[in-house]
Each structure stands twice: as C-alpha cells, then as structure tokens.
PDB file of all heavy atoms in Angstrom:
ATOM      1  N   GLY A   1     195.761  47.879 -28.988  1.00  0.00           N
ATOM      2  CA  GLY A   1     196.548  48.143 -27.793  1.00  0.00           C
ATOM      3  C   GLY A   1     197.794  48.965 -28.058  1.00  0.00           C
ATOM      4  O   GLY A   1     198.748  48.899 -27.277  1.00  0.00           O
ATOM      5  N   GLY A   2     197.814  49.713 -29.164  1.00  0.00           N
ATOM      6  CA  GLY A   2     198.987  50.500 -29.505  1.00  0.00           C
ATOM      7  C   GLY A   2     200.039  49.762 -30.294  1.00  0.00           C
ATOM      8  O   GLY A   2     201.073  50.337 -30.646  1.00  0.00           O
ATOM      9  N   ALA A   3     199.811  48.462 -30.596  1.00  0.00           N
ATOM     10  CA  ALA A   3     200.762  47.688 -31.396  1.00  0.00           C
ATOM     11  C   ALA A   3     200.783  48.216 -32.827  1.00  0.00           C
ATOM     12  O   ALA A   3     199.827  48.857 -33.282  1.00  0.00           O
ATOM     13  CB  ALA A   3     200.383  46.209 -31.393  1.00  0.00           C
ATOM     14  N   PRO A   4     201.864  47.964 -33.581  1.00  0.00           N
ATOM     15  CA  PRO A   4     201.908  48.411 -34.979  1.00  0.00           C
ATOM     16  C   PRO A   4     200.694  47.924 -35.765  1.00  0.00           C
ATOM     17  O   PRO A   4     200.197  46.814 -35.543  1.00  0.00           O
ATOM     18  CB  PRO A   4     203.200  47.765 -35.508  1.00  0.00           C
ATOM     19  CG  PRO A   4     204.057  47.590 -34.292  1.00  0.00           C
ATOM     20  CD  PRO A   4     203.112  47.280 -33.170  1.00  0.00           C
ATOM     21  N   ILE A   5     200.215  48.763 -36.664  1.00  0.00           N
ATOM     22  CA  ILE A   5     199.038  48.425 -37.464  1.00  0.00           C
ATOM     23  C   ILE A   5     199.356  47.215 -38.338  1.00  0.00           C
ATOM     24  O   ILE A   5     200.379  47.166 -39.020  1.00  0.00           O
ATOM     25  CB  ILE A   5     198.610  49.627 -38.311  1.00  0.00           C
ATOM     26  CG1 ILE A   5     198.170  50.769 -37.381  1.00  0.00           C
ATOM     27  CG2 ILE A   5     197.474  49.257 -39.258  1.00  0.00           C
ATOM     28  CD1 ILE A   5     198.140  52.124 -38.041  1.00  0.00           C
ATOM     29  N   VAL A   6     198.467  46.238 -38.320  1.00  0.00           N
ATOM     30  CA  VAL A   6     198.704  44.933 -38.938  1.00  0.00           C
ATOM     31  C   VAL A   6     198.111  44.890 -40.347  1.00  0.00           C
ATOM     32  O   VAL A   6     197.009  45.390 -40.586  1.00  0.00           O
ATOM     33  CB  VAL A   6     198.083  43.818 -38.065  1.00  0.00           C
ATOM     34  CG1 VAL A   6     198.130  42.463 -38.763  1.00  0.00           C
ATOM     35  CG2 VAL A   6     198.791  43.750 -36.711  1.00  0.00           C
ATOM     36  N   VAL A   7     198.840  44.277 -41.276  1.00  0.00           N
ATOM     37  CA  VAL A   7     198.369  44.091 -42.648  1.00  0.00           C
ATOM     38  C   VAL A   7     197.737  42.710 -42.785  1.00  0.00           C
ATOM     39  O   VAL A   7     198.347  41.697 -42.453  1.00  0.00           O
ATOM     40  CB  VAL A   7     199.522  44.237 -43.658  1.00  0.00           C
ATOM     41  CG1 VAL A   7     199.056  43.864 -45.076  1.00  0.00           C
ATOM     42  CG2 VAL A   7     200.068  45.659 -43.643  1.00  0.00           C
ATOM     43  N   GLN A   8     196.499  42.697 -43.269  1.00  0.00           N
ATOM     44  CA  GLN A   8     195.772  41.446 -43.464  1.00  0.00           C
ATOM     45  C   GLN A   8     195.462  41.253 -44.938  1.00  0.00           C
ATOM     46  O   GLN A   8     195.361  42.203 -45.707  1.00  0.00           O
ATOM     47  CB  GLN A   8     194.473  41.457 -42.646  1.00  0.00           C
ATOM     48  CG  GLN A   8     193.639  40.189 -42.794  1.00  0.00           C
ATOM     49  CD  GLN A   8     192.506  40.107 -41.791  1.00  0.00           C
ATOM     50  OE1 GLN A   8     192.678  40.378 -40.601  1.00  0.00           O
ATOM     51  NE2 GLN A   8     191.321  39.729 -42.241  1.00  0.00           N
ATOM     52  N   SER A   9     195.287  40.009 -45.348  1.00  0.00           N
ATOM     53  CA  SER A   9     194.879  39.687 -46.709  1.00  0.00           C
ATOM     54  C   SER A   9     193.884  38.536 -46.658  1.00  0.00           C
ATOM     55  O   SER A   9     193.617  37.972 -45.599  1.00  0.00           O
ATOM     56  CB  SER A   9     196.088  39.305 -47.567  1.00  0.00           C
ATOM     57  OG  SER A   9     196.721  38.140 -47.036  1.00  0.00           O
ATOM     58  N   MET A  10     193.364  38.165 -47.833  1.00  0.00           N
ATOM     59  CA  MET A  10     192.430  37.049 -47.912  1.00  0.00           C
ATOM     60  C   MET A  10     192.687  36.245 -49.175  1.00  0.00           C
ATOM     61  O   MET A  10     192.960  36.804 -50.236  1.00  0.00           O
ATOM     62  CB  MET A  10     190.982  37.541 -47.885  1.00  0.00           C
ATOM     63  CG  MET A  10     189.957  36.405 -47.823  1.00  0.00           C
ATOM     64  SD  MET A  10     188.265  37.011 -47.619  1.00  0.00           S
ATOM     65  CE  MET A  10     187.390  35.424 -47.461  1.00  0.00           C
ATOM     66  N   THR A  11     192.580  34.937 -49.051  1.00  0.00           N
ATOM     67  CA  THR A  11     192.729  34.079 -50.217  1.00  0.00           C
ATOM     68  C   THR A  11     191.477  34.148 -51.085  1.00  0.00           C
ATOM     69  O   THR A  11     190.393  34.476 -50.615  1.00  0.00           O
ATOM     70  CB  THR A  11     192.955  32.615 -49.803  1.00  0.00           C
ATOM     71  OG1 THR A  11     191.809  32.165 -49.054  1.00  0.00           O
ATOM     72  CG2 THR A  11     194.209  32.472 -48.946  1.00  0.00           C
ATOM     73  N   ASN A  12     191.609  33.808 -52.356  1.00  0.00           N
ATOM     74  CA  ASN A  12     190.440  33.640 -53.226  1.00  0.00           C
ATOM     75  C   ASN A  12     190.407  32.239 -53.812  1.00  0.00           C
ATOM     76  O   ASN A  12     189.754  31.986 -54.823  1.00  0.00           O
ATOM     77  CB  ASN A  12     190.412  34.702 -54.329  1.00  0.00           C
ATOM     78  CG  ASN A  12     191.599  34.630 -55.273  1.00  0.00           C
ATOM     79  OD1 ASN A  12     192.559  33.886 -55.033  1.00  0.00           O
ATOM     80  ND2 ASN A  12     191.558  35.399 -56.353  1.00  0.00           N
ATOM     81  N   THR A  13     191.104  31.311 -53.175  1.00  0.00           N
ATOM     82  CA  THR A  13     191.055  29.909 -53.584  1.00  0.00           C
ATOM     83  C   THR A  13     189.872  29.213 -52.924  1.00  0.00           C
ATOM     84  O   THR A  13     189.344  29.676 -51.903  1.00  0.00           O
ATOM     85  CB  THR A  13     192.340  29.168 -53.160  1.00  0.00           C
ATOM     86  OG1 THR A  13     192.484  29.268 -51.729  1.00  0.00           O
ATOM     87  CG2 THR A  13     193.567  29.762 -53.834  1.00  0.00           C
ATOM     88  N   ASP A  14     189.460  28.087 -53.490  1.00  0.00           N
ATOM     89  CA  ASP A  14     188.531  27.194 -52.818  1.00  0.00           C
ATOM     90  C   ASP A  14     189.316  26.529 -51.686  1.00  0.00           C
ATOM     91  O   ASP A  14     190.301  25.827 -51.936  1.00  0.00           O
ATOM     92  CB  ASP A  14     188.000  26.144 -53.793  1.00  0.00           C
ATOM     93  CG  ASP A  14     187.043  25.149 -53.147  1.00  0.00           C
ATOM     94  OD1 ASP A  14     186.792  25.237 -51.917  1.00  0.00           O
ATOM     95  OD2 ASP A  14     186.560  24.246 -53.871  1.00  0.00           O
ATOM     96  N   THR A  15     188.918  26.754 -50.443  1.00  0.00           N
ATOM     97  CA  THR A  15     189.686  26.252 -49.308  1.00  0.00           C
ATOM     98  C   THR A  15     189.810  24.734 -49.329  1.00  0.00           C
ATOM     99  O   THR A  15     190.784  24.168 -48.816  1.00  0.00           O
ATOM    100  CB  THR A  15     189.069  26.744 -47.982  1.00  0.00           C
ATOM    101  OG1 THR A  15     189.009  28.183 -48.015  1.00  0.00           O
ATOM    102  CG2 THR A  15     189.881  26.315 -46.775  1.00  0.00           C
ATOM    103  N   ALA A  16     188.830  24.051 -49.929  1.00  0.00           N
ATOM    104  CA  ALA A  16     188.920  22.596 -50.056  1.00  0.00           C
ATOM    105  C   ALA A  16     190.079  22.173 -50.967  1.00  0.00           C
ATOM    106  O   ALA A  16     190.530  21.022 -50.906  1.00  0.00           O
ATOM    107  CB  ALA A  16     187.602  22.032 -50.577  1.00  0.00           C
ATOM    108  N   ASP A  17     190.542  23.090 -51.811  1.00  0.00           N
ATOM    109  CA  ASP A  17     191.724  22.852 -52.645  1.00  0.00           C
ATOM    110  C   ASP A  17     192.952  23.128 -51.773  1.00  0.00           C
ATOM    111  O   ASP A  17     193.464  24.243 -51.710  1.00  0.00           O
ATOM    112  CB  ASP A  17     191.697  23.773 -53.870  1.00  0.00           C
ATOM    113  CG  ASP A  17     192.980  23.717 -54.695  1.00  0.00           C
ATOM    114  OD1 ASP A  17     193.838  22.826 -54.437  1.00  0.00           O
ATOM    115  OD2 ASP A  17     193.146  24.583 -55.585  1.00  0.00           O
ATOM    116  N   ILE A  18     193.425  22.111 -51.103  1.00  0.00           N
ATOM    117  CA  ILE A  18     194.486  22.278 -50.110  1.00  0.00           C
ATOM    118  C   ILE A  18     195.775  22.785 -50.748  1.00  0.00           C
ATOM    119  O   ILE A  18     196.403  23.729 -50.250  1.00  0.00           O
ATOM    120  CB  ILE A  18     194.721  20.959 -49.356  1.00  0.00           C
ATOM    121  CG1 ILE A  18     193.465  20.606 -48.536  1.00  0.00           C
ATOM    122  CG2 ILE A  18     195.945  21.043 -48.450  1.00  0.00           C
ATOM    123  CD1 ILE A  18     193.472  19.213 -47.951  1.00  0.00           C
ATOM    124  N   VAL A  19     196.168  22.191 -51.855  1.00  0.00           N
ATOM    125  CA  VAL A  19     197.424  22.572 -52.516  1.00  0.00           C
ATOM    126  C   VAL A  19     197.384  24.039 -52.940  1.00  0.00           C
ATOM    127  O   VAL A  19     198.315  24.814 -52.683  1.00  0.00           O
ATOM    128  CB  VAL A  19     197.706  21.664 -53.722  1.00  0.00           C
ATOM    129  CG1 VAL A  19     198.913  22.178 -54.513  1.00  0.00           C
ATOM    130  CG2 VAL A  19     197.953  20.229 -53.269  1.00  0.00           C
ATOM    131  N   GLY A  20     196.291  24.430 -53.608  1.00  0.00           N
ATOM    132  CA  GLY A  20     196.160  25.806 -54.081  1.00  0.00           C
ATOM    133  C   GLY A  20     196.100  26.811 -52.947  1.00  0.00           C
ATOM    134  O   GLY A  20     196.683  27.897 -53.026  1.00  0.00           O
ATOM    135  N   THR A  21     195.389  26.447 -51.878  1.00  0.00           N
ATOM    136  CA  THR A  21     195.244  27.368 -50.751  1.00  0.00           C
ATOM    137  C   THR A  21     196.564  27.533 -50.001  1.00  0.00           C
ATOM    138  O   THR A  21     196.943  28.647 -49.622  1.00  0.00           O
ATOM    139  CB  THR A  21     194.135  26.878 -49.804  1.00  0.00           C
ATOM    140  OG1 THR A  21     192.898  26.777 -50.537  1.00  0.00           O
ATOM    141  CG2 THR A  21     193.947  27.830 -48.634  1.00  0.00           C
ATOM    142  N   VAL A  22     197.266  26.448 -49.780  1.00  0.00           N
ATOM    143  CA  VAL A  22     198.573  26.525 -49.116  1.00  0.00           C
ATOM    144  C   VAL A  22     199.526  27.402 -49.930  1.00  0.00           C
ATOM    145  O   VAL A  22     200.244  28.244 -49.384  1.00  0.00           O
ATOM    146  CB  VAL A  22     199.171  25.113 -48.909  1.00  0.00           C
ATOM    147  CG1 VAL A  22     200.643  25.194 -48.509  1.00  0.00           C
ATOM    148  CG2 VAL A  22     198.378  24.353 -47.858  1.00  0.00           C
ATOM    149  N   LYS A  23     199.515  27.203 -51.230  1.00  0.00           N
ATOM    150  CA  LYS A  23     200.400  27.977 -52.112  1.00  0.00           C
ATOM    151  C   LYS A  23     200.099  29.466 -52.003  1.00  0.00           C
ATOM    152  O   LYS A  23     201.020  30.279 -51.856  1.00  0.00           O
ATOM    153  CB  LYS A  23     200.229  27.505 -53.559  1.00  0.00           C
ATOM    154  CG  LYS A  23     201.112  28.242 -54.575  1.00  0.00           C
ATOM    155  CD  LYS A  23     200.924  27.625 -55.968  1.00  0.00           C
ATOM    156  CE  LYS A  23     201.778  28.347 -57.016  1.00  0.00           C
ATOM    157  NZ  LYS A  23     201.290  29.702 -57.291  1.00  0.00           N
ATOM    158  N   GLN A  24     198.813  29.820 -52.037  1.00  0.00           N
ATOM    159  CA  GLN A  24     198.476  31.239 -51.999  1.00  0.00           C
ATOM    160  C   GLN A  24     198.736  31.848 -50.624  1.00  0.00           C
ATOM    161  O   GLN A  24     199.234  32.974 -50.531  1.00  0.00           O
ATOM    162  CB  GLN A  24     197.007  31.462 -52.397  1.00  0.00           C
ATOM    163  CG  GLN A  24     196.697  32.934 -52.632  1.00  0.00           C
ATOM    164  CD  GLN A  24     195.319  33.154 -53.219  1.00  0.00           C
ATOM    165  OE1 GLN A  24     194.345  33.304 -52.490  1.00  0.00           O
ATOM    166  NE2 GLN A  24     195.227  33.168 -54.534  1.00  0.00           N
ATOM    167  N   ILE A  25     198.438  31.138 -49.558  1.00  0.00           N
ATOM    168  CA  ILE A  25     198.735  31.658 -48.218  1.00  0.00           C
ATOM    169  C   ILE A  25     200.233  31.906 -48.076  1.00  0.00           C
ATOM    170  O   ILE A  25     200.662  32.942 -47.557  1.00  0.00           O
ATOM    171  CB  ILE A  25     198.245  30.692 -47.122  1.00  0.00           C
ATOM    172  CG1 ILE A  25     196.714  30.648 -47.094  1.00  0.00           C
ATOM    173  CG2 ILE A  25     198.784  31.115 -45.743  1.00  0.00           C
ATOM    174  CD1 ILE A  25     196.149  29.591 -46.153  1.00  0.00           C
ATOM    175  N   ALA A  26     201.038  30.959 -48.546  1.00  0.00           N
ATOM    176  CA  ALA A  26     202.494  31.107 -48.471  1.00  0.00           C
ATOM    177  C   ALA A  26     202.955  32.328 -49.265  1.00  0.00           C
ATOM    178  O   ALA A  26     203.840  33.070 -48.824  1.00  0.00           O
ATOM    179  CB  ALA A  26     203.183  29.844 -48.979  1.00  0.00           C
ATOM    180  N   GLU A  27     202.350  32.562 -50.444  1.00  0.00           N
ATOM    181  CA  GLU A  27     202.696  33.721 -51.259  1.00  0.00           C
ATOM    182  C   GLU A  27     202.330  35.021 -50.538  1.00  0.00           C
ATOM    183  O   GLU A  27     203.108  35.981 -50.523  1.00  0.00           O
ATOM    184  CB  GLU A  27     201.975  33.651 -52.609  1.00  0.00           C
ATOM    185  CG  GLU A  27     202.511  32.565 -53.533  1.00  0.00           C
ATOM    186  CD  GLU A  27     201.638  32.346 -54.752  1.00  0.00           C
ATOM    187  OE1 GLU A  27     200.504  32.897 -54.790  1.00  0.00           O
ATOM    188  OE2 GLU A  27     202.066  31.608 -55.672  1.00  0.00           O
ATOM    189  N   LEU A  28     201.139  35.056 -49.952  1.00  0.00           N
ATOM    190  CA  LEU A  28     200.695  36.252 -49.233  1.00  0.00           C
ATOM    191  C   LEU A  28     201.588  36.522 -48.019  1.00  0.00           C
ATOM    192  O   LEU A  28     201.965  37.664 -47.755  1.00  0.00           O
ATOM    193  CB  LEU A  28     199.235  36.086 -48.800  1.00  0.00           C
ATOM    194  CG  LEU A  28     198.206  36.069 -49.936  1.00  0.00           C
ATOM    195  CD1 LEU A  28     196.866  35.542 -49.433  1.00  0.00           C
ATOM    196  CD2 LEU A  28     198.041  37.460 -50.541  1.00  0.00           C
ATOM    197  N   ALA A  29     201.939  35.458 -47.307  1.00  0.00           N
ATOM    198  CA  ALA A  29     202.803  35.606 -46.138  1.00  0.00           C
ATOM    199  C   ALA A  29     204.193  36.076 -46.551  1.00  0.00           C
ATOM    200  O   ALA A  29     204.801  36.932 -45.892  1.00  0.00           O
ATOM    201  CB  ALA A  29     202.884  34.288 -45.371  1.00  0.00           C
ATOM    202  N   ARG A  30     204.709  35.502 -47.647  1.00  0.00           N
ATOM    203  CA  ARG A  30     206.042  35.908 -48.128  1.00  0.00           C
ATOM    204  C   ARG A  30     206.049  37.382 -48.518  1.00  0.00           C
ATOM    205  O   ARG A  30     207.038  38.085 -48.310  1.00  0.00           O
ATOM    206  CB  ARG A  30     206.462  35.040 -49.318  1.00  0.00           C
ATOM    207  CG  ARG A  30     207.881  35.302 -49.802  1.00  0.00           C
ATOM    208  CD  ARG A  30     208.242  34.393 -50.981  1.00  0.00           C
ATOM    209  NE  ARG A  30     209.632  34.550 -51.380  1.00  0.00           N
ATOM    210  CZ  ARG A  30     210.083  35.509 -52.189  1.00  0.00           C
ATOM    211  NH1 ARG A  30     209.242  36.371 -52.688  1.00  0.00           N
ATOM    212  NH2 ARG A  30     211.390  35.574 -52.490  1.00  0.00           N
ATOM    213  N   GLU A  31     204.931  37.860 -49.061  1.00  0.00           N
ATOM    214  CA  GLU A  31     204.845  39.264 -49.453  1.00  0.00           C
ATOM    215  C   GLU A  31     204.766  40.176 -48.227  1.00  0.00           C
ATOM    216  O   GLU A  31     205.038  41.373 -48.329  1.00  0.00           O
ATOM    217  CB  GLU A  31     203.624  39.477 -50.350  1.00  0.00           C
ATOM    218  CG  GLU A  31     203.630  40.790 -51.102  1.00  0.00           C
ATOM    219  CD  GLU A  31     204.788  40.908 -52.085  1.00  0.00           C
ATOM    220  OE1 GLU A  31     205.127  39.908 -52.745  1.00  0.00           O
ATOM    221  OE2 GLU A  31     205.354  42.022 -52.198  1.00  0.00           O
ATOM    222  N   GLY A  32     204.375  39.617 -47.074  1.00  0.00           N
ATOM    223  CA  GLY A  32     204.327  40.421 -45.855  1.00  0.00           C
ATOM    224  C   GLY A  32     202.984  40.477 -45.162  1.00  0.00           C
ATOM    225  O   GLY A  32     202.815  41.216 -44.189  1.00  0.00           O
ATOM    226  N   SER A  33     202.009  39.691 -45.631  1.00  0.00           N
ATOM    227  CA  SER A  33     200.720  39.649 -44.940  1.00  0.00           C
ATOM    228  C   SER A  33     200.911  39.043 -43.557  1.00  0.00           C
ATOM    229  O   SER A  33     201.494  37.970 -43.410  1.00  0.00           O
ATOM    230  CB  SER A  33     199.710  38.816 -45.737  1.00  0.00           C
ATOM    231  OG  SER A  33     198.456  38.816 -45.081  1.00  0.00           O
ATOM    232  N   GLU A  34     200.394  39.720 -42.538  1.00  0.00           N
ATOM    233  CA  GLU A  34     200.596  39.283 -41.159  1.00  0.00           C
ATOM    234  C   GLU A  34     199.423  38.490 -40.607  1.00  0.00           C
ATOM    235  O   GLU A  34     199.531  37.838 -39.571  1.00  0.00           O
ATOM    236  CB  GLU A  34     200.875  40.509 -40.289  1.00  0.00           C
ATOM    237  CG  GLU A  34     202.217  41.160 -40.664  1.00  0.00           C
ATOM    238  CD  GLU A  34     202.336  42.595 -40.227  1.00  0.00           C
ATOM    239  OE1 GLU A  34     201.451  43.406 -40.582  1.00  0.00           O
ATOM    240  OE2 GLU A  34     203.323  42.918 -39.544  1.00  0.00           O
ATOM    241  N   LEU A  35     198.281  38.551 -41.275  1.00  0.00           N
ATOM    242  CA  LEU A  35     197.125  37.699 -41.026  1.00  0.00           C
ATOM    243  C   LEU A  35     196.552  37.320 -42.383  1.00  0.00           C
ATOM    244  O   LEU A  35     196.515  38.162 -43.290  1.00  0.00           O
ATOM    245  CB  LEU A  35     196.038  38.427 -40.217  1.00  0.00           C
ATOM    246  CG  LEU A  35     196.354  38.931 -38.804  1.00  0.00           C
ATOM    247  CD1 LEU A  35     195.167  39.725 -38.267  1.00  0.00           C
ATOM    248  CD2 LEU A  35     196.679  37.791 -37.886  1.00  0.00           C
ATOM    249  N   VAL A  36     196.096  36.098 -42.529  1.00  0.00           N
ATOM    250  CA  VAL A  36     195.471  35.680 -43.789  1.00  0.00           C
ATOM    251  C   VAL A  36     194.123  35.046 -43.480  1.00  0.00           C
ATOM    252  O   VAL A  36     194.027  34.138 -42.655  1.00  0.00           O
ATOM    253  CB  VAL A  36     196.344  34.675 -44.569  1.00  0.00           C
ATOM    254  CG1 VAL A  36     195.627  34.235 -45.843  1.00  0.00           C
ATOM    255  CG2 VAL A  36     197.698  35.288 -44.932  1.00  0.00           C
ATOM    256  N   ARG A  37     193.108  35.534 -44.161  1.00  0.00           N
ATOM    257  CA  ARG A  37     191.753  35.029 -43.964  1.00  0.00           C
ATOM    258  C   ARG A  37     191.407  34.030 -45.059  1.00  0.00           C
ATOM    259  O   ARG A  37     191.746  34.255 -46.231  1.00  0.00           O
ATOM    260  CB  ARG A  37     190.764  36.201 -43.960  1.00  0.00           C
ATOM    261  CG  ARG A  37     189.383  35.867 -43.435  1.00  0.00           C
ATOM    262  CD  ARG A  37     188.598  37.153 -43.277  1.00  0.00           C
ATOM    263  NE  ARG A  37     187.675  37.358 -44.290  1.00  0.00           N
ATOM    264  CZ  ARG A  37     187.126  38.488 -44.708  1.00  0.00           C
ATOM    265  NH1 ARG A  37     187.380  39.520 -44.173  1.00  0.00           N
ATOM    266  NH2 ARG A  37     186.291  38.598 -45.651  1.00  0.00           N
ATOM    267  N   ILE A  38     190.741  32.945 -44.697  1.00  0.00           N
ATOM    268  CA  ILE A  38     190.289  31.957 -45.667  1.00  0.00           C
ATOM    269  C   ILE A  38     188.789  31.740 -45.502  1.00  0.00           C
ATOM    270  O   ILE A  38     188.233  31.962 -44.425  1.00  0.00           O
ATOM    271  CB  ILE A  38     191.035  30.609 -45.508  1.00  0.00           C
ATOM    272  CG1 ILE A  38     190.758  29.985 -44.138  1.00  0.00           C
ATOM    273  CG2 ILE A  38     192.527  30.793 -45.722  1.00  0.00           C
ATOM    274  CD1 ILE A  38     191.349  28.585 -43.957  1.00  0.00           C
TER     275      ILE A  38
END
C-alpha cells in the first residue's frame, strides 16, 4: 500500500526451545527486523 519496505527475518532455532527462540527473536528485533518468522 505504499508503506515503507519492511525487513523480515527468520529464526533457525527449534521453536519448541522457548528460551532459545525468545532470545533469537529478541536479537533479531533489536537489530531492526520488523517481522520475524518461526
């Protein structure tokens, strides 16, 4: 819709590993990822 182009990333953790997945999503978000796929 003309909105700024969005940066997406994806985790490579086992999603069942809650601690590891939360940590990596937080890292990706802190770096500037605007959507994260799991």
